[in-house]
């Protein structure tokens, strides 16, 4: 599946299920803080697809950190993620979910891998 097909499918599901967000199929960024993050990402990555983890420091992210959610993959097969950081601009929307596993926050129809794991 190419990116445009994936974005279209995501947006169709978001409309059906009344999700708060949609994905811009052009992958443009209208929020100035996104432009800062994208510029930082590209400068750190160079000619690679993504920067090394060690190259993205909290000091580098200070201007956008309040708008970010940082996830940690805690299992590979199947993938499971834990929320490591929730920016302050986001906690006012959904509360502080730091240290929670994503699986425990998803409705069962979205997290098809079974019941939520304890957090």
PDB file of N, CA and C in Angstrom:
ATOM      1  N   UNK A   1       0.845  -1.176   0.000  1.00  0.00           N
ATOM      2  CA  UNK A   1       0.000   0.000   0.000  1.00  0.00           C
ATOM      3  C   UNK A   1       0.887   1.235   0.000  1.00  0.00           C
ATOM      4  N   UNK A   2       0.613   2.179  -0.881  1.00  0.00           N
ATOM      5  CA  UNK A   2       1.409   3.405  -0.891  1.00  0.00           C
ATOM      6  C   UNK A   2       0.878   4.388   0.148  1.00  0.00           C
ATOM      7  N   UNK A   3       1.597   5.469   0.373  1.00  0.00           N
ATOM      8  CA  UNK A   3       1.249   6.435   1.414  1.00  0.00           C
ATOM      9  C   UNK A   3      -0.117   7.056   1.154  1.00  0.00           C
ATOM     10  N   UNK A   4      -0.391   7.440  -0.071  1.00  0.00           N
ATOM     11  CA  UNK A   4      -1.673   8.077  -0.380  1.00  0.00           C
ATOM     12  C   UNK A   4      -2.839   7.124  -0.099  1.00  0.00           C
ATOM     13  N   UNK A   5      -2.685   5.854  -0.452  1.00  0.00           N
ATOM     14  CA  UNK A   5      -3.732   4.867  -0.162  1.00  0.00           C
ATOM     15  C   UNK A   5      -3.916   4.698   1.344  1.00  0.00           C
ATOM     16  N   UNK A   6      -2.807   4.679   2.082  1.00  0.00           N
ATOM     17  CA  UNK A   6      -2.879   4.526   3.538  1.00  0.00           C
ATOM     18  C   UNK A   6      -3.569   5.734   4.173  1.00  0.00           C
ATOM     19  N   UNK A   7      -3.247   6.930   3.706  1.00  0.00           N
ATOM     20  CA  UNK A   7      -3.868   8.150   4.230  1.00  0.00           C
ATOM     21  C   UNK A   7      -5.354   8.165   3.908  1.00  0.00           C
ATOM     22  N   UNK A   8      -5.707   7.790   2.699  1.00  0.00           N
ATOM     23  CA  UNK A   8      -7.115   7.758   2.299  1.00  0.00           C
ATOM     24  C   UNK A   8      -7.894   6.785   3.169  1.00  0.00           C
ATOM     25  N   UNK A   9      -7.342   5.595   3.380  1.00  0.00           N
ATOM     26  CA  UNK A   9      -8.008   4.593   4.221  1.00  0.00           C
ATOM     27  C   UNK A   9      -8.154   5.094   5.659  1.00  0.00           C
ATOM     28  N   UNK A  10      -7.119   5.721   6.184  1.00  0.00           N
ATOM     29  CA  UNK A  10      -7.175   6.264   7.541  1.00  0.00           C
ATOM     30  C   UNK A  10      -8.252   7.339   7.652  1.00  0.00           C
ATOM     31  N   UNK A  11      -8.297   8.245   6.704  1.00  0.00           N
ATOM     32  CA  UNK A  11      -9.280   9.325   6.744  1.00  0.00           C
ATOM     33  C   UNK A  11     -10.710   8.809   6.584  1.00  0.00           C
ATOM     34  N   UNK A  12     -10.894   7.781   5.770  1.00  0.00           N
ATOM     35  CA  UNK A  12     -12.220   7.187   5.628  1.00  0.00           C
ATOM     36  C   UNK A  12     -12.677   6.560   6.938  1.00  0.00           C
ATOM     37  N   UNK A  13     -11.772   5.855   7.600  1.00  0.00           N
ATOM     38  CA  UNK A  13     -12.104   5.253   8.890  1.00  0.00           C
ATOM     39  C   UNK A  13     -12.370   6.341   9.932  1.00  0.00           C
ATOM     40  N   UNK A  14     -11.563   7.395   9.918  1.00  0.00           N
ATOM     41  CA  UNK A  14     -11.765   8.509  10.858  1.00  0.00           C
ATOM     42  C   UNK A  14     -13.150   9.124  10.673  1.00  0.00           C
ATOM     43  N   UNK A  15     -13.581   9.272   9.436  1.00  0.00           N
ATOM     44  CA  UNK A  15     -14.914   9.833   9.174  1.00  0.00           C
ATOM     45  C   UNK A  15     -16.008   8.884   9.651  1.00  0.00           C
ATOM     46  N   UNK A  16     -15.854   7.587   9.363  1.00  0.00           N
ATOM     47  CA  UNK A  16     -16.853   6.597   9.786  1.00  0.00           C
ATOM     48  C   UNK A  16     -16.996   6.534  11.299  1.00  0.00           C
ATOM     49  N   UNK A  17     -15.856   6.617  11.985  1.00  0.00           N
ATOM     50  CA  UNK A  17     -15.845   6.418  13.432  1.00  0.00           C
ATOM     51  C   UNK A  17     -15.788   7.726  14.221  1.00  0.00           C
ATOM     52  N   UNK A  18     -15.937   8.854  13.517  1.00  0.00           N
ATOM     53  CA  UNK A  18     -15.989  10.172  14.142  1.00  0.00           C
ATOM     54  C   UNK A  18     -14.752  10.476  14.987  1.00  0.00           C
ATOM     55  N   UNK A  19     -13.581  10.192  14.440  1.00  0.00           N
ATOM     56  CA  UNK A  19     -12.339  10.489  15.141  1.00  0.00           C
ATOM     57  C   UNK A  19     -12.083  11.984  15.112  1.00  0.00           C
ATOM     58  N   UNK A  20     -11.301  12.443  16.050  1.00  0.00           N
ATOM     59  CA  UNK A  20     -10.957  13.855  16.154  1.00  0.00           C
ATOM     60  C   UNK A  20      -9.983  14.290  15.060  1.00  0.00           C
ATOM     61  N   UNK A  21      -9.144  13.392  14.599  1.00  0.00           N
ATOM     62  CA  UNK A  21      -8.074  13.777  13.674  1.00  0.00           C
ATOM     63  C   UNK A  21      -8.261  13.163  12.295  1.00  0.00           C
ATOM     64  N   UNK A  22      -7.592  13.774  11.336  1.00  0.00           N
ATOM     65  CA  UNK A  22      -7.443  13.231   9.992  1.00  0.00           C
ATOM     66  C   UNK A  22      -5.997  13.476   9.582  1.00  0.00           C
ATOM     67  N   UNK A  23      -5.581  12.804   8.543  1.00  0.00           N
ATOM     68  CA  UNK A  23      -4.216  12.950   8.047  1.00  0.00           C
ATOM     69  C   UNK A  23      -4.247  13.715   6.725  1.00  0.00           C
ATOM     70  N   UNK A  24      -3.371  14.681   6.593  1.00  0.00           N
ATOM     71  CA  UNK A  24      -3.265  15.464   5.365  1.00  0.00           C
ATOM     72  C   UNK A  24      -2.565  14.605   4.311  1.00  0.00           C
ATOM     73  N   UNK A  25      -3.249  14.281   3.203  1.00  0.00           N
ATOM     74  CA  UNK A  25      -2.627  13.418   2.197  1.00  0.00           C
ATOM     75  C   UNK A  25      -1.397  14.029   1.540  1.00  0.00           C
ATOM     76  N   UNK A  26      -1.271  15.359   1.606  1.00  0.00           N
ATOM     77  CA  UNK A  26      -0.088  16.002   1.043  1.00  0.00           C
ATOM     78  C   UNK A  26       1.064  16.040   2.038  1.00  0.00           C
ATOM     79  N   UNK A  27       0.790  15.606   3.272  1.00  0.00           N
ATOM     80  CA  UNK A  27       1.785  15.604   4.347  1.00  0.00           C
ATOM     81  C   UNK A  27       2.407  16.985   4.526  1.00  0.00           C
ATOM     82  N   UNK A  28       1.562  18.019   4.433  1.00  0.00           N
ATOM     83  CA  UNK A  28       2.019  19.389   4.687  1.00  0.00           C
ATOM     84  C   UNK A  28       1.813  19.695   6.160  1.00  0.00           C
ATOM     85  N   UNK A  29       2.509  20.685   6.639  1.00  0.00           N
ATOM     86  CA  UNK A  29       2.426  21.056   8.040  1.00  0.00           C
ATOM     87  C   UNK A  29       2.030  22.522   8.120  1.00  0.00           C
ATOM     88  N   UNK A  30       0.852  22.796   8.673  1.00  0.00           N
ATOM     89  CA  UNK A  30       0.388  24.173   8.756  1.00  0.00           C
ATOM     90  C   UNK A  30       0.705  24.807  10.101  1.00  0.00           C
ATOM     91  N   UNK A  31       0.925  24.020  11.114  1.00  0.00           N
ATOM     92  CA  UNK A  31       1.260  24.532  12.441  1.00  0.00           C
ATOM     93  C   UNK A  31       2.751  24.864  12.487  1.00  0.00           C
ATOM     94  N   UNK A  32       3.126  26.096  12.879  1.00  0.00           N
ATOM     95  CA  UNK A  32       4.550  26.483  12.890  1.00  0.00           C
ATOM     96  C   UNK A  32       5.442  25.547  13.707  1.00  0.00           C
ATOM     97  N   UNK A  33       4.927  25.013  14.803  1.00  0.00           N
ATOM     98  CA  UNK A  33       5.770  24.115  15.605  1.00  0.00           C
ATOM     99  C   UNK A  33       6.083  22.828  14.840  1.00  0.00           C
ATOM    100  N   UNK A  34       5.191  22.408  13.943  1.00  0.00           N
ATOM    101  CA  UNK A  34       5.466  21.227  13.134  1.00  0.00           C
ATOM    102  C   UNK A  34       6.603  21.503  12.163  1.00  0.00           C
ATOM    103  N   UNK A  35       6.625  22.708  11.600  1.00  0.00           N
ATOM    104  CA  UNK A  35       7.703  23.080  10.686  1.00  0.00           C
ATOM    105  C   UNK A  35       9.048  23.045  11.406  1.00  0.00           C
ATOM    106  N   UNK A  36       9.070  23.530  12.647  1.00  0.00           N
ATOM    107  CA  UNK A  36      10.306  23.483  13.438  1.00  0.00           C
ATOM    108  C   UNK A  36      10.755  22.037  13.644  1.00  0.00           C
ATOM    109  N   UNK A  37       9.804  21.184  14.013  1.00  0.00           N
ATOM    110  CA  UNK A  37      10.139  19.784  14.254  1.00  0.00           C
ATOM    111  C   UNK A  37      10.608  19.104  12.972  1.00  0.00           C
ATOM    112  N   UNK A  38       9.906  19.346  11.889  1.00  0.00           N
ATOM    113  CA  UNK A  38      10.291  18.745  10.614  1.00  0.00           C
ATOM    114  C   UNK A  38      11.677  19.220  10.177  1.00  0.00           C
ATOM    115  N   UNK A  39      11.961  20.502  10.349  1.00  0.00           N
ATOM    116  CA  UNK A  39      13.286  21.025  10.010  1.00  0.00           C
ATOM    117  C   UNK A  39      14.376  20.399  10.859  1.00  0.00           C
ATOM    118  N   UNK A  40      14.110  20.271  12.148  1.00  0.00           N
ATOM    119  CA  UNK A  40      15.068  19.626  13.052  1.00  0.00           C
ATOM    120  C   UNK A  40      15.286  18.174  12.647  1.00  0.00           C
ATOM    121  N   UNK A  41      14.191  17.459  12.394  1.00  0.00           N
ATOM    122  CA  UNK A  41      14.252  16.052  11.990  1.00  0.00           C
ATOM    123  C   UNK A  41      15.121  15.905  10.740  1.00  0.00           C
ATOM    124  N   UNK A  42      14.848  16.717   9.738  1.00  0.00           N
ATOM    125  CA  UNK A  42      15.588  16.617   8.472  1.00  0.00           C
ATOM    126  C   UNK A  42      17.060  16.970   8.655  1.00  0.00           C
ATOM    127  N   UNK A  43      17.353  17.979   9.479  1.00  0.00           N
ATOM    128  CA  UNK A  43      18.756  18.357   9.681  1.00  0.00           C
ATOM    129  C   UNK A  43      19.523  17.258  10.419  1.00  0.00           C
ATOM    130  N   UNK A  44      18.882  16.603  11.360  1.00  0.00           N
ATOM    131  CA  UNK A  44      19.541  15.530  12.110  1.00  0.00           C
ATOM    132  C   UNK A  44      19.660  14.252  11.280  1.00  0.00           C
ATOM    133  N   UNK A  45      18.674  14.007  10.427  1.00  0.00           N
ATOM    134  CA  UNK A  45      18.688  12.778   9.624  1.00  0.00           C
ATOM    135  C   UNK A  45      19.685  12.847   8.481  1.00  0.00           C
ATOM    136  N   UNK A  46      19.898  14.036   7.935  1.00  0.00           N
ATOM    137  CA  UNK A  46      20.795  14.140   6.775  1.00  0.00           C
ATOM    138  C   UNK A  46      20.232  13.360   5.605  1.00  0.00           C
ATOM    139  N   UNK A  47      21.015  12.432   5.072  1.00  0.00           N
ATOM    140  CA  UNK A  47      20.548  11.641   3.933  1.00  0.00           C
ATOM    141  C   UNK A  47      19.920  10.314   4.357  1.00  0.00           C
ATOM    142  N   UNK A  48      19.733  10.112   5.663  1.00  0.00           N
ATOM    143  CA  UNK A  48      19.078   8.898   6.170  1.00  0.00           C
ATOM    144  C   UNK A  48      17.572   9.124   6.271  1.00  0.00           C
ATOM    145  N   UNK A  49      16.808   8.055   6.426  1.00  0.00           N
ATOM    146  CA  UNK A  49      15.351   8.165   6.565  1.00  0.00           C
ATOM    147  C   UNK A  49      14.959   8.819   7.885  1.00  0.00           C
ATOM    148  N   UNK A  50      15.739   8.610   8.930  1.00  0.00           N
ATOM    149  CA  UNK A  50      15.436   9.203  10.226  1.00  0.00           C
ATOM    150  C   UNK A  50      16.717   9.395  11.018  1.00  0.00           C
ATOM    151  N   UNK A  51      16.701  10.348  11.946  1.00  0.00           N
ATOM    152  CA  UNK A  51      17.901  10.551  12.769  1.00  0.00           C
ATOM    153  C   UNK A  51      18.072   9.428  13.779  1.00  0.00           C
ATOM    154  N   UNK A  52      19.280   9.280  14.250  1.00  0.00           N
ATOM    155  CA  UNK A  52      19.525   8.330  15.337  1.00  0.00           C
ATOM    156  C   UNK A  52      18.888   8.868  16.605  1.00  0.00           C
ATOM    157  N   UNK A  53      18.485   7.980  17.472  1.00  0.00           N
ATOM    158  CA  UNK A  53      17.857   8.401  18.723  1.00  0.00           C
ATOM    159  C   UNK A  53      18.780   9.337  19.505  1.00  0.00           C
ATOM    160  N   UNK A  54      20.052   9.048  19.516  1.00  0.00           N
ATOM    161  CA  UNK A  54      21.013   9.852  20.275  1.00  0.00           C
ATOM    162  C   UNK A  54      21.157  11.268  19.711  1.00  0.00           C
ATOM    163  N   UNK A  55      20.714  11.482  18.483  1.00  0.00           N
ATOM    164  CA  UNK A  55      20.840  12.798  17.850  1.00  0.00           C
ATOM    165  C   UNK A  55      19.668  13.730  18.165  1.00  0.00           C
ATOM    166  N   UNK A  56      18.593  13.205  18.700  1.00  0.00           N
ATOM    167  CA  UNK A  56      17.412  14.019  19.027  1.00  0.00           C
ATOM    168  C   UNK A  56      17.358  14.180  20.541  1.00  0.00           C
ATOM    169  N   UNK A  57      17.907  15.268  21.032  1.00  0.00           N
ATOM    170  CA  UNK A  57      17.955  15.489  22.474  1.00  0.00           C
ATOM    171  C   UNK A  57      16.765  16.331  22.928  1.00  0.00           C
ATOM    172  N   UNK A  58      16.484  16.291  24.220  1.00  0.00           N
ATOM    173  CA  UNK A  58      15.421  17.127  24.772  1.00  0.00           C
ATOM    174  C   UNK A  58      15.726  18.605  24.558  1.00  0.00           C
ATOM    175  N   UNK A  59      16.983  18.956  24.640  1.00  0.00           N
ATOM    176  CA  UNK A  59      17.365  20.354  24.393  1.00  0.00           C
ATOM    177  C   UNK A  59      17.018  20.757  22.957  1.00  0.00           C
ATOM    178  N   UNK A  60      17.259  19.856  21.995  1.00  0.00           N
ATOM    179  CA  UNK A  60      16.900  20.143  20.604  1.00  0.00           C
ATOM    180  C   UNK A  60      15.389  20.331  20.449  1.00  0.00           C
ATOM    181  N   UNK A  61      14.613  19.585  21.226  1.00  0.00           N
ATOM    182  CA  UNK A  61      13.163  19.563  21.088  1.00  0.00           C
ATOM    183  C   UNK A  61      12.436  20.578  21.966  1.00  0.00           C
ATOM    184  N   UNK A  62      13.190  21.409  22.693  1.00  0.00           N
ATOM    185  CA  UNK A  62      12.568  22.288  23.694  1.00  0.00           C
ATOM    186  C   UNK A  62      11.457  23.165  23.139  1.00  0.00           C
ATOM    187  N   UNK A  63      11.546  23.608  21.896  1.00  0.00           N
ATOM    188  CA  UNK A  63      10.518  24.482  21.331  1.00  0.00           C
ATOM    189  C   UNK A  63       9.236  23.744  20.949  1.00  0.00           C
ATOM    190  N   UNK A  64       9.296  22.435  20.801  1.00  0.00           N
ATOM    191  CA  UNK A  64       8.118  21.667  20.363  1.00  0.00           C
ATOM    192  C   UNK A  64       7.714  20.579  21.351  1.00  0.00           C
ATOM    193  N   UNK A  65       8.481  20.396  22.391  1.00  0.00           N
ATOM    194  CA  UNK A  65       8.255  19.290  23.320  1.00  0.00           C
ATOM    195  C   UNK A  65       6.846  19.286  23.901  1.00  0.00           C
ATOM    196  N   UNK A  66       6.297  20.453  24.160  1.00  0.00           N
ATOM    197  CA  UNK A  66       4.972  20.508  24.763  1.00  0.00           C
ATOM    198  C   UNK A  66       3.877  19.998  23.838  1.00  0.00           C
ATOM    199  N   UNK A  67       4.188  19.827  22.547  1.00  0.00           N
ATOM    200  CA  UNK A  67       3.212  19.341  21.571  1.00  0.00           C
ATOM    201  C   UNK A  67       3.439  17.882  21.178  1.00  0.00           C
ATOM    202  N   UNK A  68       4.382  17.196  21.815  1.00  0.00           N
ATOM    203  CA  UNK A  68       4.760  15.849  21.394  1.00  0.00           C
ATOM    204  C   UNK A  68       4.259  14.764  22.327  1.00  0.00           C
ATOM    205  N   UNK A  69       4.099  13.586  21.764  1.00  0.00           N
ATOM    206  CA  UNK A  69       3.926  12.353  22.521  1.00  0.00           C
ATOM    207  C   UNK A  69       5.077  11.460  22.099  1.00  0.00           C
ATOM    208  N   UNK A  70       5.819  10.949  23.058  1.00  0.00           N
ATOM    209  CA  UNK A  70       6.940  10.063  22.773  1.00  0.00           C
ATOM    210  C   UNK A  70       6.548   8.662  23.224  1.00  0.00           C
ATOM    211  N   UNK A  71       6.658   7.700  22.308  1.00  0.00           N
ATOM    212  CA  UNK A  71       6.311   6.314  22.587  1.00  0.00           C
ATOM    213  C   UNK A  71       7.570   5.456  22.653  1.00  0.00           C
ATOM    214  N   UNK A  72       7.496   4.404  23.440  1.00  0.00           N
ATOM    215  CA  UNK A  72       8.573   3.417  23.531  1.00  0.00           C
ATOM    216  C   UNK A  72       7.998   2.061  23.142  1.00  0.00           C
ATOM    217  N   UNK A  73       8.643   1.397  22.188  1.00  0.00           N
ATOM    218  CA  UNK A  73       8.192   0.045  21.854  1.00  0.00           C
ATOM    219  C   UNK A  73       8.715  -0.898  22.919  1.00  0.00           C
ATOM    220  N   UNK A  74       7.817  -1.605  23.594  1.00  0.00           N
ATOM    221  CA  UNK A  74       8.211  -2.498  24.681  1.00  0.00           C
ATOM    222  C   UNK A  74       8.182  -3.966  24.270  1.00  0.00           C
ATOM    223  N   UNK A  75       7.518  -4.263  23.158  1.00  0.00           N
ATOM    224  CA  UNK A  75       7.521  -5.616  22.596  1.00  0.00           C
ATOM    225  C   UNK A  75       7.527  -5.498  21.084  1.00  0.00           C
ATOM    226  N   UNK A  76       8.192  -6.461  20.432  1.00  0.00           N
ATOM    227  CA  UNK A  76       8.277  -6.417  18.968  1.00  0.00           C
ATOM    228  C   UNK A  76       7.230  -7.273  18.279  1.00  0.00           C
ATOM    229  N   UNK A  77       6.986  -8.476  18.755  1.00  0.00           N
ATOM    230  CA  UNK A  77       6.097  -9.407  18.054  1.00  0.00           C
ATOM    231  C   UNK A  77       5.013  -9.898  18.973  1.00  0.00           C
ATOM    232  N   UNK A  78       3.826  -9.379  18.954  1.00  0.00           N
ATOM    233  CA  UNK A  78       3.401  -8.209  18.211  1.00  0.00           C
ATOM    234  C   UNK A  78       3.875  -6.932  18.895  1.00  0.00           C
ATOM    235  N   UNK A  79       3.888  -5.853  18.160  1.00  0.00           N
ATOM    236  CA  UNK A  79       4.361  -4.581  18.706  1.00  0.00           C
ATOM    237  C   UNK A  79       3.412  -4.053  19.781  1.00  0.00           C
ATOM    238  N   UNK A  80       4.009  -3.609  20.888  1.00  0.00           N
ATOM    239  CA  UNK A  80       3.275  -2.944  21.961  1.00  0.00           C
ATOM    240  C   UNK A  80       4.075  -1.720  22.368  1.00  0.00           C
ATOM    241  N   UNK A  81       3.371  -0.650  22.692  1.00  0.00           N
ATOM    242  CA  UNK A  81       4.028   0.622  22.979  1.00  0.00           C
ATOM    243  C   UNK A  81       3.586   1.178  24.324  1.00  0.00           C
ATOM    244  N   UNK A  82       4.514   1.874  24.977  1.00  0.00           N
ATOM    245  CA  UNK A  82       4.251   2.581  26.229  1.00  0.00           C
ATOM    246  C   UNK A  82       4.478   4.069  25.971  1.00  0.00           C
ATOM    247  N   UNK A  83       3.653   4.882  26.587  1.00  0.00           N
ATOM    248  CA  UNK A  83       3.800   6.331  26.454  1.00  0.00           C
ATOM    249  C   UNK A  83       4.894   6.782  27.410  1.00  0.00           C
ATOM    250  N   UNK A  84       5.941   7.344  26.869  1.00  0.00           N
ATOM    251  CA  UNK A  84       7.070   7.811  27.682  1.00  0.00           C
ATOM    252  C   UNK A  84       6.924   9.271  28.093  1.00  0.00           C
ATOM    253  N   UNK A  85       6.307  10.062  27.238  1.00  0.00           N
ATOM    254  CA  UNK A  85       6.181  11.488  27.522  1.00  0.00           C
ATOM    255  C   UNK A  85       4.944  12.016  26.820  1.00  0.00           C
ATOM    256  N   UNK A  86       4.203  12.880  27.518  1.00  0.00           N
ATOM    257  CA  UNK A  86       3.064  13.575  26.921  1.00  0.00           C
ATOM    258  C   UNK A  86       3.286  15.061  27.145  1.00  0.00           C
ATOM    259  N   UNK A  87       3.331  15.817  26.064  1.00  0.00           N
ATOM    260  CA  UNK A  87       3.532  17.256  26.169  1.00  0.00           C
ATOM    261  C   UNK A  87       2.396  17.943  26.896  1.00  0.00           C
ATOM    262  N   UNK A  88       2.714  19.034  27.551  1.00  0.00           N
ATOM    263  CA  UNK A  88       1.727  19.720  28.380  1.00  0.00           C
ATOM    264  C   UNK A  88       0.542  20.261  27.583  1.00  0.00           C
ATOM    265  N   UNK A  89       0.740  20.606  26.326  1.00  0.00           N
ATOM    266  CA  UNK A  89      -0.405  21.092  25.541  1.00  0.00           C
ATOM    267  C   UNK A  89      -1.386  19.965  25.253  1.00  0.00           C
ATOM    268  N   UNK A  90      -0.933  18.724  25.344  1.00  0.00           N
ATOM    269  CA  UNK A  90      -1.792  17.581  25.074  1.00  0.00           C
ATOM    270  C   UNK A  90      -2.447  17.038  26.334  1.00  0.00           C
ATOM    271  N   UNK A  91      -1.803  17.192  27.472  1.00  0.00           N
ATOM    272  CA  UNK A  91      -2.401  16.671  28.706  1.00  0.00           C
ATOM    273  C   UNK A  91      -3.699  17.392  29.034  1.00  0.00           C
ATOM    274  N   UNK A  92      -3.831  18.639  28.604  1.00  0.00           N
ATOM    275  CA  UNK A  92      -5.078  19.363  28.865  1.00  0.00           C
ATOM    276  C   UNK A  92      -6.234  18.779  28.050  1.00  0.00           C
ATOM    277  N   UNK A  93      -5.929  18.093  26.962  1.00  0.00           N
ATOM    278  CA  UNK A  93      -6.966  17.477  26.131  1.00  0.00           C
ATOM    279  C   UNK A  93      -7.356  16.090  26.622  1.00  0.00           C
ATOM    280  N   UNK A  94      -6.372  15.297  27.000  1.00  0.00           N
ATOM    281  CA  UNK A  94      -6.654  13.891  27.310  1.00  0.00           C
ATOM    282  C   UNK A  94      -6.102  13.438  28.655  1.00  0.00           C
ATOM    283  N   UNK A  95      -5.534  14.347  29.417  1.00  0.00           N
ATOM    284  CA  UNK A  95      -4.944  13.948  30.688  1.00  0.00           C
ATOM    285  C   UNK A  95      -3.539  13.414  30.487  1.00  0.00           C
ATOM    286  N   UNK A  96      -2.851  13.235  31.571  1.00  0.00           N
ATOM    287  CA  UNK A  96      -1.485  12.717  31.506  1.00  0.00           C
ATOM    288  C   UNK A  96      -1.535  11.197  31.457  1.00  0.00           C
ATOM    289  N   UNK A  97      -1.106  10.647  30.354  1.00  0.00           N
ATOM    290  CA  UNK A  97      -1.113   9.191  30.149  1.00  0.00           C
ATOM    291  C   UNK A  97       0.294   8.606  30.212  1.00  0.00           C
ATOM    292  N   UNK A  98       1.238   9.368  30.751  1.00  0.00           N
ATOM    293  CA  UNK A  98       2.617   8.911  30.834  1.00  0.00           C
ATOM    294  C   UNK A  98       2.682   7.563  31.537  1.00  0.00           C
ATOM    295  N   UNK A  99       3.489   6.660  30.984  1.00  0.00           N
ATOM    296  CA  UNK A  99       3.749   5.307  31.487  1.00  0.00           C
ATOM    297  C   UNK A  99       2.621   4.319  31.195  1.00  0.00           C
ATOM    298  N   UNK A 100       1.541   4.755  30.580  1.00  0.00           N
ATOM    299  CA  UNK A 100       0.459   3.840  30.204  1.00  0.00           C
ATOM    300  C   UNK A 100       0.826   3.132  28.907  1.00  0.00           C
ATOM    301  N   UNK A 101       0.365   1.904  28.773  1.00  0.00           N
ATOM    302  CA  UNK A 101       0.534   1.183  27.515  1.00  0.00           C
ATOM    303  C   UNK A 101      -0.594   1.597  26.574  1.00  0.00           C
ATOM    304  N   UNK A 102      -0.270   1.801  25.317  1.00  0.00           N
ATOM    305  CA  UNK A 102      -1.292   2.201  24.349  1.00  0.00           C
ATOM    306  C   UNK A 102      -2.443   1.209  24.323  1.00  0.00           C
ATOM    307  N   UNK A 103      -2.113  -0.064  24.428  1.00  0.00           N
ATOM    308  CA  UNK A 103      -3.134  -1.101  24.366  1.00  0.00           C
ATOM    309  C   UNK A 103      -4.182  -0.911  25.460  1.00  0.00           C
ATOM    310  N   UNK A 104      -3.771  -0.426  26.614  1.00  0.00           N
ATOM    311  CA  UNK A 104      -4.719  -0.239  27.716  1.00  0.00           C
ATOM    312  C   UNK A 104      -5.630   0.963  27.495  1.00  0.00           C
ATOM    313  N   UNK A 105      -5.297   1.828  26.554  1.00  0.00           N
ATOM    314  CA  UNK A 105      -6.087   3.026  26.291  1.00  0.00           C
ATOM    315  C   UNK A 105      -7.004   2.890  25.083  1.00  0.00           C
ATOM    316  N   UNK A 106      -6.805   1.840  24.296  1.00  0.00           N
ATOM    317  CA  UNK A 106      -7.573   1.663  23.065  1.00  0.00           C
ATOM    318  C   UNK A 106      -8.867   0.904  23.315  1.00  0.00           C
ATOM    319  N   UNK A 107      -9.936   1.298  22.637  1.00  0.00           N
ATOM    320  CA  UNK A 107     -11.159   0.485  22.678  1.00  0.00           C
ATOM    321  C   UNK A 107     -10.873  -0.890  22.060  1.00  0.00           C
ATOM    322  N   UNK A 108     -11.538  -1.935  22.532  1.00  0.00           N
ATOM    323  CA  UNK A 108     -11.260  -3.295  22.034  1.00  0.00           C
ATOM    324  C   UNK A 108     -11.378  -3.447  20.522  1.00  0.00           C
ATOM    325  N   UNK A 109     -12.284  -2.697  19.871  1.00  0.00           N
ATOM    326  CA  UNK A 109     -12.430  -2.838  18.421  1.00  0.00           C
ATOM    327  C   UNK A 109     -11.244  -2.258  17.656  1.00  0.00           C
ATOM    328  N   UNK A 110     -10.411  -1.441  18.318  1.00  0.00           N
ATOM    329  CA  UNK A 110      -9.216  -0.905  17.670  1.00  0.00           C
ATOM    330  C   UNK A 110      -8.004  -1.758  18.016  1.00  0.00           C
ATOM    331  N   UNK A 111      -7.879  -2.145  19.262  1.00  0.00           N
ATOM    332  CA  UNK A 111      -6.774  -3.012  19.703  1.00  0.00           C
ATOM    333  C   UNK A 111      -7.254  -4.441  19.613  1.00  0.00           C
ATOM    334  N   UNK A 112      -7.054  -5.043  18.471  1.00  0.00           N
ATOM    335  CA  UNK A 112      -7.596  -6.366  18.189  1.00  0.00           C
ATOM    336  C   UNK A 112      -6.768  -7.495  18.781  1.00  0.00           C
ATOM    337  N   UNK A 113      -5.657  -7.177  19.424  1.00  0.00           N
ATOM    338  CA  UNK A 113      -4.774  -8.227  19.917  1.00  0.00           C
ATOM    339  C   UNK A 113      -5.276  -8.866  21.209  1.00  0.00           C
ATOM    340  N   UNK A 114      -6.409  -8.422  21.724  1.00  0.00           N
ATOM    341  CA  UNK A 114      -6.935  -9.038  22.931  1.00  0.00           C
ATOM    342  C   UNK A 114      -7.201  -8.005  23.997  1.00  0.00           C
ATOM    343  N   UNK A 115      -7.473  -8.457  25.205  1.00  0.00           N
ATOM    344  CA  UNK A 115      -7.797  -7.531  26.288  1.00  0.00           C
ATOM    345  C   UNK A 115      -6.618  -6.666  26.674  1.00  0.00           C
ATOM    346  N   UNK A 116      -6.911  -5.544  27.253  1.00  0.00           N
ATOM    347  CA  UNK A 116      -5.876  -4.594  27.651  1.00  0.00           C
ATOM    348  C   UNK A 116      -4.968  -5.193  28.705  1.00  0.00           C
ATOM    349  N   UNK A 117      -3.676  -4.911  28.540  1.00  0.00           N
ATOM    350  CA  UNK A 117      -2.695  -5.375  29.513  1.00  0.00           C
ATOM    351  C   UNK A 117      -2.733  -4.454  30.721  1.00  0.00           C
ATOM    352  N   UNK A 118      -2.459  -4.978  31.902  1.00  0.00           N
ATOM    353  CA  UNK A 118      -2.418  -4.103  33.078  1.00  0.00           C
ATOM    354  C   UNK A 118      -1.288  -3.091  32.949  1.00  0.00           C
ATOM    355  N   UNK A 119      -1.497  -1.908  33.535  1.00  0.00           N
ATOM    356  CA  UNK A 119      -0.448  -0.888  33.485  1.00  0.00           C
ATOM    357  C   UNK A 119       0.088  -0.632  34.860  1.00  0.00           C
TER     358      UNK A 119
END
